[in-house]
Amino acid sequence: EAKAQANELIEKSLTENVLRYQMLQIWDGKLPA
């Protein structure tokens, strides 16, 4: 139940801007092949 609640909170917190920001944080500057 705790994991489910945590996943639910994570799911609610992952907005489009957040995902884009996190993607930019881990991008190495190379374009996809």
Full PDB file with SEQRES, HELIX, SHEET, SSBOND, CRYST1, ORIGX, SCALE, CONECT and MASTER records, all heavy atoms in Angstrom:
SEQRES   1 A   33  GLU ALA LYS ALA GLN ALA ASN GLU LEU ILE GLU LYS SER          
SEQRES   2 A   33  LEU THR GLU ASN VAL LEU ARG TYR GLN MET LEU GLN ILE          
SEQRES   3 A   33  TRP ASP GLY LYS LEU PRO ALA                                  
HELIX    1 AA1 ALA A    2  SER A   13  1                                  12    
HELIX    2 AA2 GLU A   16  ILE A   26  1                                  11    
CRYST1    1.000    1.000    1.000  90.00  90.00  90.00 P 1           1          
ORIGX1      1.000000  0.000000  0.000000        0.00000                         
ORIGX2      0.000000  1.000000  0.000000        0.00000                         
ORIGX3      0.000000  0.000000  1.000000        0.00000                         
SCALE1      1.000000  0.000000  0.000000        0.00000                         
SCALE2      0.000000  1.000000  0.000000        0.00000                         
SCALE3      0.000000  0.000000  1.000000        0.00000                         
ATOM      1  N   GLU A   1       0.830  -1.202   0.000  1.00  0.00           N  
ATOM      2  CA  GLU A   1       0.000   0.000   0.000  1.00  0.00           C  
ATOM      3  C   GLU A   1       0.866   1.255   0.000  1.00  0.00           C  
ATOM      4  O   GLU A   1       0.557   2.251  -0.664  1.00  0.00           O  
ATOM      5  CB  GLU A   1      -0.925  -0.023   1.220  1.00  0.00           C  
ATOM      6  CG  GLU A   1      -2.032  -1.072   1.123  1.00  0.00           C  
ATOM      7  CD  GLU A   1      -2.904  -1.090   2.374  1.00  0.00           C  
ATOM      8  OE1 GLU A   1      -2.535  -0.399   3.345  1.00  0.00           O  
ATOM      9  OE2 GLU A   1      -3.951  -1.775   2.364  1.00  0.00           O  
ATOM     10  N   ALA A   2       1.966   1.182   0.761  1.00  0.00           N  
ATOM     11  CA  ALA A   2       2.858   2.352   0.812  1.00  0.00           C  
ATOM     12  C   ALA A   2       3.488   2.621  -0.560  1.00  0.00           C  
ATOM     13  O   ALA A   2       3.595   3.771  -1.006  1.00  0.00           O  
ATOM     14  CB  ALA A   2       3.944   2.113   1.864  1.00  0.00           C  
ATOM     15  N   LYS A   3       3.927   1.521  -1.239  1.00  0.00           N  
ATOM     16  CA  LYS A   3       4.521   1.686  -2.566  1.00  0.00           C  
ATOM     17  C   LYS A   3       3.498   2.243  -3.548  1.00  0.00           C  
ATOM     18  O   LYS A   3       3.805   3.101  -4.387  1.00  0.00           O  
ATOM     19  CB  LYS A   3       5.043   0.352  -3.059  1.00  0.00           C  
ATOM     20  CG  LYS A   3       6.319  -0.102  -2.334  1.00  0.00           C  
ATOM     21  CD  LYS A   3       6.813  -1.416  -2.911  1.00  0.00           C  
ATOM     22  CE  LYS A   3       8.102  -1.857  -2.219  1.00  0.00           C  
ATOM     23  NZ  LYS A   3       8.602  -3.145  -2.769  1.00  0.00           N  
ATOM     24  N   ALA A   4       2.274   1.727  -3.446  1.00  0.00           N  
ATOM     25  CA  ALA A   4       1.226   2.209  -4.361  1.00  0.00           C  
ATOM     26  C   ALA A   4       0.958   3.696  -4.150  1.00  0.00           C  
ATOM     27  O   ALA A   4       0.805   4.460  -5.109  1.00  0.00           O  
ATOM     28  CB  ALA A   4      -0.043   1.399  -4.157  1.00  0.00           C  
ATOM     29  N   GLN A   5       0.906   4.066  -2.870  1.00  0.00           N  
ATOM     30  CA  GLN A   5       0.677   5.476  -2.567  1.00  0.00           C  
ATOM     31  C   GLN A   5       1.836   6.328  -3.080  1.00  0.00           C  
ATOM     32  O   GLN A   5       1.639   7.429  -3.625  1.00  0.00           O  
ATOM     33  CB  GLN A   5       0.500   5.658  -1.052  1.00  0.00           C  
ATOM     34  CG  GLN A   5      -0.800   5.085  -0.518  1.00  0.00           C  
ATOM     35  CD  GLN A   5      -0.911   5.227   0.990  1.00  0.00           C  
ATOM     36  OE1 GLN A   5       0.011   5.715   1.634  1.00  0.00           O  
ATOM     37  NE2 GLN A   5      -2.044   4.800   1.532  1.00  0.00           N  
ATOM     38  N   ALA A   6       3.065   5.774  -2.911  1.00  0.00           N  
ATOM     39  CA  ALA A   6       4.231   6.530  -3.383  1.00  0.00           C  
ATOM     40  C   ALA A   6       4.193   6.681  -4.903  1.00  0.00           C  
ATOM     41  O   ALA A   6       4.472   7.767  -5.454  1.00  0.00           O  
ATOM     42  CB  ALA A   6       5.513   5.818  -2.953  1.00  0.00           C  
ATOM     43  N   ASN A   7       3.864   5.570  -5.600  1.00  0.00           N  
ATOM     44  CA  ASN A   7       3.783   5.641  -7.065  1.00  0.00           C  
ATOM     45  C   ASN A   7       2.706   6.612  -7.512  1.00  0.00           C  
ATOM     46  O   ASN A   7       2.851   7.334  -8.522  1.00  0.00           O  
ATOM     47  CB  ASN A   7       3.502   4.265  -7.653  1.00  0.00           C  
ATOM     48  CG  ASN A   7       4.675   3.332  -7.469  1.00  0.00           C  
ATOM     49  OD1 ASN A   7       5.817   3.791  -7.353  1.00  0.00           O  
ATOM     50  ND2 ASN A   7       4.411   2.023  -7.452  1.00  0.00           N  
ATOM     51  N   GLU A   8       1.611   6.635  -6.793  1.00  0.00           N  
ATOM     52  CA  GLU A   8       0.522   7.561  -7.137  1.00  0.00           C  
ATOM     53  C   GLU A   8       0.981   9.003  -6.992  1.00  0.00           C  
ATOM     54  O   GLU A   8       0.702   9.863  -7.836  1.00  0.00           O  
ATOM     55  CB  GLU A   8      -0.695   7.278  -6.258  1.00  0.00           C  
ATOM     56  CG  GLU A   8      -1.898   8.133  -6.624  1.00  0.00           C  
ATOM     57  CD  GLU A   8      -3.106   7.816  -5.757  1.00  0.00           C  
ATOM     58  OE1 GLU A   8      -3.023   6.863  -4.937  1.00  0.00           O  
ATOM     59  OE2 GLU A   8      -4.133   8.505  -5.883  1.00  0.00           O  
ATOM     60  N   LEU A   9       1.706   9.247  -5.910  1.00  0.00           N  
ATOM     61  CA  LEU A   9       2.217  10.607  -5.690  1.00  0.00           C  
ATOM     62  C   LEU A   9       3.229  10.991  -6.771  1.00  0.00           C  
ATOM     63  O   LEU A   9       3.250  12.124  -7.267  1.00  0.00           O  
ATOM     64  CB  LEU A   9       2.857  10.705  -4.309  1.00  0.00           C  
ATOM     65  CG  LEU A   9       1.901  10.614  -3.118  1.00  0.00           C  
ATOM     66  CD1 LEU A   9       2.688  10.575  -1.804  1.00  0.00           C  
ATOM     67  CD2 LEU A   9       0.914  11.788  -3.116  1.00  0.00           C  
ATOM     68  N   ILE A  10       4.074   9.984  -7.127  1.00  0.00           N  
ATOM     69  CA  ILE A  10       5.075  10.261  -8.165  1.00  0.00           C  
ATOM     70  C   ILE A  10       4.385  10.559  -9.493  1.00  0.00           C  
ATOM     71  O   ILE A  10       4.742  11.489 -10.236  1.00  0.00           O  
ATOM     72  CB  ILE A  10       6.026   9.073  -8.306  1.00  0.00           C  
ATOM     73  CG1 ILE A  10       6.892   8.961  -7.056  1.00  0.00           C  
ATOM     74  CG2 ILE A  10       6.900   9.205  -9.541  1.00  0.00           C  
ATOM     75  CD1 ILE A  10       7.747   7.702  -7.003  1.00  0.00           C  
ATOM     76  N   GLU A  11       3.356   9.731  -9.797  1.00  0.00           N  
ATOM     77  CA  GLU A  11       2.636   9.907 -11.051  1.00  0.00           C  
ATOM     78  C   GLU A  11       1.984  11.279 -11.124  1.00  0.00           C  
ATOM     79  O   GLU A  11       1.995  11.953 -12.181  1.00  0.00           O  
ATOM     80  CB  GLU A  11       1.587   8.807 -11.205  1.00  0.00           C  
ATOM     81  CG  GLU A  11       0.850   8.879 -12.542  1.00  0.00           C  
ATOM     82  CD  GLU A  11      -0.171   7.759 -12.656  1.00  0.00           C  
ATOM     83  OE1 GLU A  11      -0.213   6.891 -11.738  1.00  0.00           O  
ATOM     84  OE2 GLU A  11      -0.938   7.755 -13.628  1.00  0.00           O  
ATOM     85  N   LYS A  12       1.414  11.698 -10.008  1.00  0.00           N  
ATOM     86  CA  LYS A  12       0.767  13.007  -9.981  1.00  0.00           C  
ATOM     87  C   LYS A  12       1.781  14.142 -10.113  1.00  0.00           C  
ATOM     88  O   LYS A  12       1.496  15.202 -10.643  1.00  0.00           O  
ATOM     89  CB  LYS A  12      -0.033  13.166  -8.689  1.00  0.00           C  
ATOM     90  CG  LYS A  12      -1.275  12.282  -8.652  1.00  0.00           C  
ATOM     91  CD  LYS A  12      -2.026  12.505  -7.352  1.00  0.00           C  
ATOM     92  CE  LYS A  12      -3.295  11.646  -7.331  1.00  0.00           C  
ATOM     93  NZ  LYS A  12      -4.057  11.822  -6.079  1.00  0.00           N  
ATOM     94  N   SER A  13       2.986  13.886  -9.591  1.00  0.00           N  
ATOM     95  CA  SER A  13       3.995  14.956  -9.593  1.00  0.00           C  
ATOM     96  C   SER A  13       4.738  15.073 -10.932  1.00  0.00           C  
ATOM     97  O   SER A  13       5.404  16.075 -11.184  1.00  0.00           O  
ATOM     98  CB  SER A  13       4.996  14.720  -8.469  1.00  0.00           C  
ATOM     99  OG  SER A  13       5.712  13.505  -8.687  1.00  0.00           O  
ATOM    100  N   LEU A  14       4.680  14.036 -11.801  1.00  0.00           N  
ATOM    101  CA  LEU A  14       5.410  14.057 -13.075  1.00  0.00           C  
ATOM    102  C   LEU A  14       4.599  14.805 -14.145  1.00  0.00           C  
ATOM    103  O   LEU A  14       3.926  14.216 -14.986  1.00  0.00           O  
ATOM    104  CB  LEU A  14       5.714  12.623 -13.523  1.00  0.00           C  
ATOM    105  CG  LEU A  14       6.693  11.845 -12.638  1.00  0.00           C  
ATOM    106  CD1 LEU A  14       6.873  10.429 -13.168  1.00  0.00           C  
ATOM    107  CD2 LEU A  14       8.026  12.565 -12.592  1.00  0.00           C  
ATOM    108  N   THR A  15       4.661  16.125 -14.104  1.00  0.00           N  
ATOM    109  CA  THR A  15       4.010  16.944 -15.148  1.00  0.00           C  
ATOM    110  C   THR A  15       4.918  17.013 -16.385  1.00  0.00           C  
ATOM    111  O   THR A  15       6.087  16.577 -16.358  1.00  0.00           O  
ATOM    112  CB  THR A  15       3.736  18.359 -14.627  1.00  0.00           C  
ATOM    113  OG1 THR A  15       4.990  18.957 -14.311  1.00  0.00           O  
ATOM    114  CG2 THR A  15       2.871  18.305 -13.361  1.00  0.00           C  
ATOM    115  N   GLU A  16       4.417  17.590 -17.475  1.00  0.00           N  
ATOM    116  CA  GLU A  16       5.195  17.672 -18.714  1.00  0.00           C  
ATOM    117  C   GLU A  16       6.437  18.521 -18.535  1.00  0.00           C  
ATOM    118  O   GLU A  16       7.525  18.190 -19.018  1.00  0.00           O  
ATOM    119  CB  GLU A  16       4.298  18.257 -19.837  1.00  0.00           C  
ATOM    120  CG  GLU A  16       5.011  18.308 -21.196  1.00  0.00           C  
ATOM    121  CD  GLU A  16       4.084  18.804 -22.285  1.00  0.00           C  
ATOM    122  OE1 GLU A  16       2.865  18.970 -21.972  1.00  0.00           O  
ATOM    123  OE2 GLU A  16       4.558  19.007 -23.399  1.00  0.00           O  
ATOM    124  N   ASN A  17       6.333  19.610 -17.868  1.00  0.00           N  
ATOM    125  CA  ASN A  17       7.484  20.498 -17.649  1.00  0.00           C  
ATOM    126  C   ASN A  17       8.537  19.818 -16.802  1.00  0.00           C  
ATOM    127  O   ASN A  17       9.734  19.960 -17.030  1.00  0.00           O  
ATOM    128  CB  ASN A  17       7.039  21.795 -16.993  1.00  0.00           C  
ATOM    129  CG  ASN A  17       6.197  22.651 -17.942  1.00  0.00           C  
ATOM    130  OD1 ASN A  17       6.380  22.583 -19.178  1.00  0.00           O  
ATOM    131  ND2 ASN A  17       5.286  23.436 -17.394  1.00  0.00           N  
ATOM    132  N   VAL A  18       8.055  19.059 -15.784  1.00  0.00           N  
ATOM    133  CA  VAL A  18       9.003  18.374 -14.899  1.00  0.00           C  
ATOM    134  C   VAL A  18       9.761  17.325 -15.681  1.00  0.00           C  
ATOM    135  O   VAL A  18      10.978  17.168 -15.559  1.00  0.00           O  
ATOM    136  CB  VAL A  18       8.286  17.748 -13.690  1.00  0.00           C  
ATOM    137  CG1 VAL A  18       9.227  16.833 -12.920  1.00  0.00           C  
ATOM    138  CG2 VAL A  18       7.743  18.821 -12.777  1.00  0.00           C  
ATOM    139  N   LEU A  19       9.020  16.567 -16.495  1.00  0.00           N  
ATOM    140  CA  LEU A  19       9.664  15.540 -17.313  1.00  0.00           C  
ATOM    141  C   LEU A  19      10.676  16.152 -18.269  1.00  0.00           C  
ATOM    142  O   LEU A  19      11.775  15.607 -18.472  1.00  0.00           O  
ATOM    143  CB  LEU A  19       8.622  14.740 -18.095  1.00  0.00           C  
ATOM    144  CG  LEU A  19       7.705  13.853 -17.249  1.00  0.00           C  
ATOM    145  CD1 LEU A  19       6.619  13.242 -18.127  1.00  0.00           C  
ATOM    146  CD2 LEU A  19       8.523  12.749 -16.580  1.00  0.00           C  
ATOM    147  N   ARG A  20      10.306  17.320 -18.914  1.00  0.00           N  
ATOM    148  CA  ARG A  20      11.212  17.974 -19.834  1.00  0.00           C  
ATOM    149  C   ARG A  20      12.448  18.452 -19.096  1.00  0.00           C  
ATOM    150  O   ARG A  20      13.577  18.321 -19.585  1.00  0.00           O  
ATOM    151  CB  ARG A  20      10.505  19.151 -20.525  1.00  0.00           C  
ATOM    152  CG  ARG A  20      11.397  19.820 -21.600  1.00  0.00           C  
ATOM    153  CD  ARG A  20      10.695  20.974 -22.278  1.00  0.00           C  
ATOM    154  NE  ARG A  20       9.541  20.530 -23.036  1.00  0.00           N  
ATOM    155  CZ  ARG A  20       8.301  20.777 -22.711  1.00  0.00           C  
ATOM    156  NH1 ARG A  20       8.020  21.503 -21.639  1.00  0.00           N  
ATOM    157  NH2 ARG A  20       7.304  20.339 -23.437  1.00  0.00           N  
ATOM    158  N   TYR A  21      12.249  18.988 -17.913  1.00  0.00           N  
ATOM    159  CA  TYR A  21      13.386  19.490 -17.112  1.00  0.00           C  
ATOM    160  C   TYR A  21      14.321  18.358 -16.751  1.00  0.00           C  
ATOM    161  O   TYR A  21      15.540  18.464 -16.882  1.00  0.00           O  
ATOM    162  CB  TYR A  21      12.853  20.189 -15.853  1.00  0.00           C  
ATOM    163  CG  TYR A  21      13.946  20.585 -14.894  1.00  0.00           C  
ATOM    164  CD1 TYR A  21      14.767  21.702 -15.152  1.00  0.00           C  
ATOM    165  CD2 TYR A  21      14.185  19.822 -13.753  1.00  0.00           C  
ATOM    166  CE1 TYR A  21      15.789  22.035 -14.280  1.00  0.00           C  
ATOM    167  CE2 TYR A  21      15.196  20.160 -12.875  1.00  0.00           C  
ATOM    168  CZ  TYR A  21      16.005  21.276 -13.136  1.00  0.00           C  
ATOM    169  OH  TYR A  21      17.021  21.598 -12.262  1.00  0.00           O  
ATOM    170  N   GLN A  22      13.731  17.201 -16.264  1.00  0.00           N  
ATOM    171  CA  GLN A  22      14.554  16.069 -15.884  1.00  0.00           C  
ATOM    172  C   GLN A  22      15.286  15.492 -17.086  1.00  0.00           C  
ATOM    173  O   GLN A  22      16.440  15.037 -16.972  1.00  0.00           O  
ATOM    174  CB  GLN A  22      13.686  14.973 -15.232  1.00  0.00           C  
ATOM    175  CG  GLN A  22      13.190  15.360 -13.862  1.00  0.00           C  
ATOM    176  CD  GLN A  22      12.392  14.244 -13.229  1.00  0.00           C  
ATOM    177  OE1 GLN A  22      12.045  13.266 -13.900  1.00  0.00           O  
ATOM    178  NE2 GLN A  22      12.072  14.430 -11.942  1.00  0.00           N  
ATOM    179  N   MET A  23      14.647  15.526 -18.273  1.00  0.00           N  
ATOM    180  CA  MET A  23      15.283  15.035 -19.489  1.00  0.00           C  
ATOM    181  C   MET A  23      16.473  15.912 -19.847  1.00  0.00           C  
ATOM    182  O   MET A  23      17.537  15.437 -20.229  1.00  0.00           O  
ATOM    183  CB  MET A  23      14.270  15.000 -20.641  1.00  0.00           C  
ATOM    184  CG  MET A  23      14.854  14.422 -21.950  1.00  0.00           C  
ATOM    185  SD  MET A  23      13.662  14.448 -23.290  1.00  0.00           S  
ATOM    186  CE  MET A  23      13.503  16.217 -23.564  1.00  0.00           C  
ATOM    187  N   LEU A  24      16.296  17.211 -19.723  1.00  0.00           N  
ATOM    188  CA  LEU A  24      17.379  18.135 -20.014  1.00  0.00           C  
ATOM    189  C   LEU A  24      18.528  17.967 -19.022  1.00  0.00           C  
ATOM    190  O   LEU A  24      19.696  18.136 -19.357  1.00  0.00           O  
ATOM    191  CB  LEU A  24      16.861  19.581 -20.003  1.00  0.00           C  
ATOM    192  CG  LEU A  24      15.916  19.948 -21.154  1.00  0.00           C  
ATOM    193  CD1 LEU A  24      15.375  21.370 -20.968  1.00  0.00           C  
ATOM    194  CD2 LEU A  24      16.622  19.824 -22.513  1.00  0.00           C  
ATOM    195  N   GLN A  25      18.190  17.605 -17.777  1.00  0.00           N  
ATOM    196  CA  GLN A  25      19.225  17.455 -16.765  1.00  0.00           C  
ATOM    197  C   GLN A  25      20.126  16.278 -17.076  1.00  0.00           C  
ATOM    198  O   GLN A  25      21.334  16.326 -16.794  1.00  0.00           O  
ATOM    199  CB  GLN A  25      18.583  17.264 -15.366  1.00  0.00           C  
ATOM    200  CG  GLN A  25      17.917  18.512 -14.811  1.00  0.00           C  
ATOM    201  CD  GLN A  25      18.936  19.633 -14.545  1.00  0.00           C  
ATOM    202  OE1 GLN A  25      20.029  19.382 -14.039  1.00  0.00           O  
ATOM    203  NE2 GLN A  25      18.581  20.875 -14.908  1.00  0.00           N  
ATOM    204  N   ILE A  26      19.567  15.239 -17.646  1.00  0.00           N  
ATOM    205  CA  ILE A  26      20.372  14.050 -17.896  1.00  0.00           C  
ATOM    206  C   ILE A  26      20.852  13.991 -19.368  1.00  0.00           C  
ATOM    207  O   ILE A  26      21.548  13.053 -19.764  1.00  0.00           O  
ATOM    208  CB  ILE A  26      19.563  12.781 -17.566  1.00  0.00           C  
ATOM    209  CG1 ILE A  26      18.347  12.658 -18.463  1.00  0.00           C  
ATOM    210  CG2 ILE A  26      19.166  12.751 -16.092  1.00  0.00           C  
ATOM    211  CD1 ILE A  26      17.587  11.354 -18.302  1.00  0.00           C  
ATOM    212  N   TRP A  27      20.443  14.993 -20.311  1.00  0.00           N  
ATOM    213  CA  TRP A  27      20.856  14.962 -21.732  1.00  0.00           C  
ATOM    214  C   TRP A  27      22.318  15.336 -21.844  1.00  0.00           C  
ATOM    215  O   TRP A  27      22.778  16.310 -21.257  1.00  0.00           O  
ATOM    216  CB  TRP A  27      19.965  15.919 -22.532  1.00  0.00           C  
ATOM    217  CG  TRP A  27      20.210  15.836 -24.014  1.00  0.00           C  
ATOM    218  CD1 TRP A  27      20.381  14.744 -24.766  1.00  0.00           C  
ATOM    219  CD2 TRP A  27      20.336  16.945 -24.892  1.00  0.00           C  
ATOM    220  NE1 TRP A  27      20.594  15.035 -26.076  1.00  0.00           N  
ATOM    221  CE2 TRP A  27      20.565  16.420 -26.193  1.00  0.00           C  
ATOM    222  CE3 TRP A  27      20.257  18.357 -24.766  1.00  0.00           C  
ATOM    223  CZ2 TRP A  27      20.735  17.233 -27.329  1.00  0.00           C  
ATOM    224  CZ3 TRP A  27      20.404  19.154 -25.903  1.00  0.00           C  
ATOM    225  CH2 TRP A  27      20.645  18.578 -27.157  1.00  0.00           C  
ATOM    226  N   ASP A  28      23.066  14.587 -22.686  1.00  0.00           N  
ATOM    227  CA  ASP A  28      24.502  14.829 -22.862  1.00  0.00           C  
ATOM    228  C   ASP A  28      24.812  15.732 -24.039  1.00  0.00           C  
ATOM    229  O   ASP A  28      25.961  15.880 -24.459  1.00  0.00           O  
ATOM    230  CB  ASP A  28      25.239  13.503 -23.042  1.00  0.00           C  
ATOM    231  CG  ASP A  28      24.688  12.706 -24.214  1.00  0.00           C  
ATOM    232  OD1 ASP A  28      23.710  13.185 -24.827  1.00  0.00           O  
ATOM    233  OD2 ASP A  28      25.192  11.581 -24.456  1.00  0.00           O  
ATOM    234  N   GLY A  29      23.796  16.293 -24.644  1.00  0.00           N  
ATOM    235  CA  GLY A  29      23.986  17.234 -25.763  1.00  0.00           C  
ATOM    236  C   GLY A  29      23.980  16.582 -27.114  1.00  0.00           C  
ATOM    237  O   GLY A  29      24.139  17.259 -28.137  1.00  0.00           O  
ATOM    238  N   LYS A  30      23.886  15.298 -27.220  1.00  0.00           N  
ATOM    239  CA  LYS A  30      23.898  14.591 -28.505  1.00  0.00           C  
ATOM    240  C   LYS A  30      22.476  14.351 -28.965  1.00  0.00           C  
ATOM    241  O   LYS A  30      21.607  14.066 -28.162  1.00  0.00           O  
ATOM    242  CB  LYS A  30      24.620  13.259 -28.354  1.00  0.00           C  
ATOM    243  CG  LYS A  30      26.090  13.426 -28.003  1.00  0.00           C  
ATOM    244  CD  LYS A  30      26.738  12.066 -27.864  1.00  0.00           C  
ATOM    245  CE  LYS A  30      28.195  12.209 -27.486  1.00  0.00           C  
ATOM    246  NZ  LYS A  30      28.858  10.900 -27.375  1.00  0.00           N  
ATOM    247  N   LEU A  31      22.270  14.419 -30.284  1.00  0.00           N  
ATOM    248  CA  LEU A  31      20.961  14.171 -30.856  1.00  0.00           C  
ATOM    249  C   LEU A  31      20.743  12.672 -30.954  1.00  0.00           C  
ATOM    250  O   LEU A  31      21.712  11.898 -31.078  1.00  0.00           O  
ATOM    251  CB  LEU A  31      20.843  14.784 -32.262  1.00  0.00           C  
ATOM    252  CG  LEU A  31      20.876  16.323 -32.295  1.00  0.00           C  
ATOM    253  CD1 LEU A  31      20.921  16.813 -33.752  1.00  0.00           C  
ATOM    254  CD2 LEU A  31      19.666  16.872 -31.578  1.00  0.00           C  
ATOM    255  N   PRO A  32      19.551  12.222 -31.014  1.00  0.00           N  
ATOM    256  CA  PRO A  32      19.273  10.792 -31.121  1.00  0.00           C  
ATOM    257  C   PRO A  32      19.639  10.261 -32.503  1.00  0.00           C  
ATOM    258  O   PRO A  32      19.562  10.992 -33.490  1.00  0.00           O  
ATOM    259  CB  PRO A  32      17.774  10.686 -30.855  1.00  0.00           C  
ATOM    260  CG  PRO A  32      17.233  12.016 -31.167  1.00  0.00           C  
ATOM    261  CD  PRO A  32      18.282  13.021 -30.845  1.00  0.00           C  
ATOM    262  N   ALA A  33      20.125   9.034 -32.569  1.00  0.00           N  
ATOM    263  CA  ALA A  33      20.519   8.416 -33.835  1.00  0.00           C  
ATOM    264  C   ALA A  33      19.361   7.686 -34.474  1.00  0.00           C  
ATOM    265  O   ALA A  33      19.393   7.385 -35.663  1.00  0.00           O  
ATOM    266  CB  ALA A  33      21.686   7.433 -33.592  1.00  0.00           C  
TER     267      ALA A  33                                                      
MASTER        0    0    0    2    0    0    0    6  266    1    0    3          
END                                                                             
